[in-house]
Amino acid sequence: MPSAFQFQCHFVLIFLAASKGETRYLEVRDAGEDEPFLLLSEDLKRELSAGQIYRRSLRCIDMLSIEGQFTFTAEQPQLHCATFFIGEPEELIAIDYDFVNIDCQGGDFLKVFDGWILKGEKFPSSLDHPLPTSQRYIDFCESGSIQRSIRSSQNVAMIFFRVHRPGNGFTVTVKKTTNLFPCNVISQTPSGRFTMVIPHQHRNCSFSIIYPVVIKISDLILGHLNGLFLKKPTAGCVGVGDFVELLGGTGLDPSKMFPLADLCHSFHGSAQMKIGCDNTVLRMVSSGKHINRVTFEYHQLDLQETENRKENSIEEFCFPSI
């Protein structure tokens, strides 16, 4: 059975099906029963490529992975609503207010958050985001027409809103722009391949996969000697300045996850690890002195893989008791 965290994440991600333009009710099933990442149909992709703007209504709790114009109109008081936006790893999310009709004085609000929040946990974490938490919220009721266009710092963003009066609401246009050096990423899929590059920048970058996975690092360039170290209370990469760590946990915030392994030095080859946690994060810490690069691939961990250890796998973590 999935954990509460997995269920909540998959509950949100199942709304990717709404990008197909279907109006029928979406039944939220157990995450293990079906693939939660329901992406765009080929017909809709061809339609959009012809220059047409995709439009549809927003639900109180919704998920968007596509560009277009989206409108929320309250049919009854809606007090706890949120829309999650996600793009490809190399994309940033731009949200433009086209029309807003809410009663700020009456308790309504419309806020954009630069990242995701789930159960009080943030992605990216406060340690990995270039802005302090207070500046990651843009409140329409405070900024008004001053800031009607907002761009995320990574491939995810979200809006929180409350609308009391039926008939009130708002319209936003969502666009995506290219990010030449993706830093903090939530993967849309349980499998893939990615290369993270940090070019002489003093920053931390996390790649989050909300699944138990097998992750294999095939190339790591930090400008040091070879080495791979399992986390121990008195060991690790403290003082190295540039390193990659693997984290596992049950929440969204990488800073609150359990450190599993440190990779302190460059290597060419293969380092594989099975991580049975609800959320797996590869995090690169960069001092800004080097051009750091890591290439890795991952796929969802299945039950058979938890029972069969491979010779090139280091210790396994977070496996559920069966």
Foldseek 3Di string as FASTA:
>chain_A
DDDPLLLVVLVLQLLQLCVQVDDDDDDRDDCVVDPSNDHYDPVVVVVVVVPDADEDEDDQRHEYADWHKYKYFDQAWRAWGKYKYFYAFFKKKKKFWPWFFADVVVPKWKKKAQADADPRATPAHCQFDPDHRVVRIDICVVCPPVDRMDMHPGRMMMMIITHHDGGGITMMTMDMDGHPARFEHEHSAQWDKDKHKDALDQGKGKYKYQAFKKKKWAWKADPFDFDKFFDDPPDAQPPLQKWKWKWAESHDYRVPTHTTIITRHTDGGIAIEGEHHSMIMIMIGHNSPHTIMIIMIMHHDDPVPVVDDDPRYDDYDDRDDD
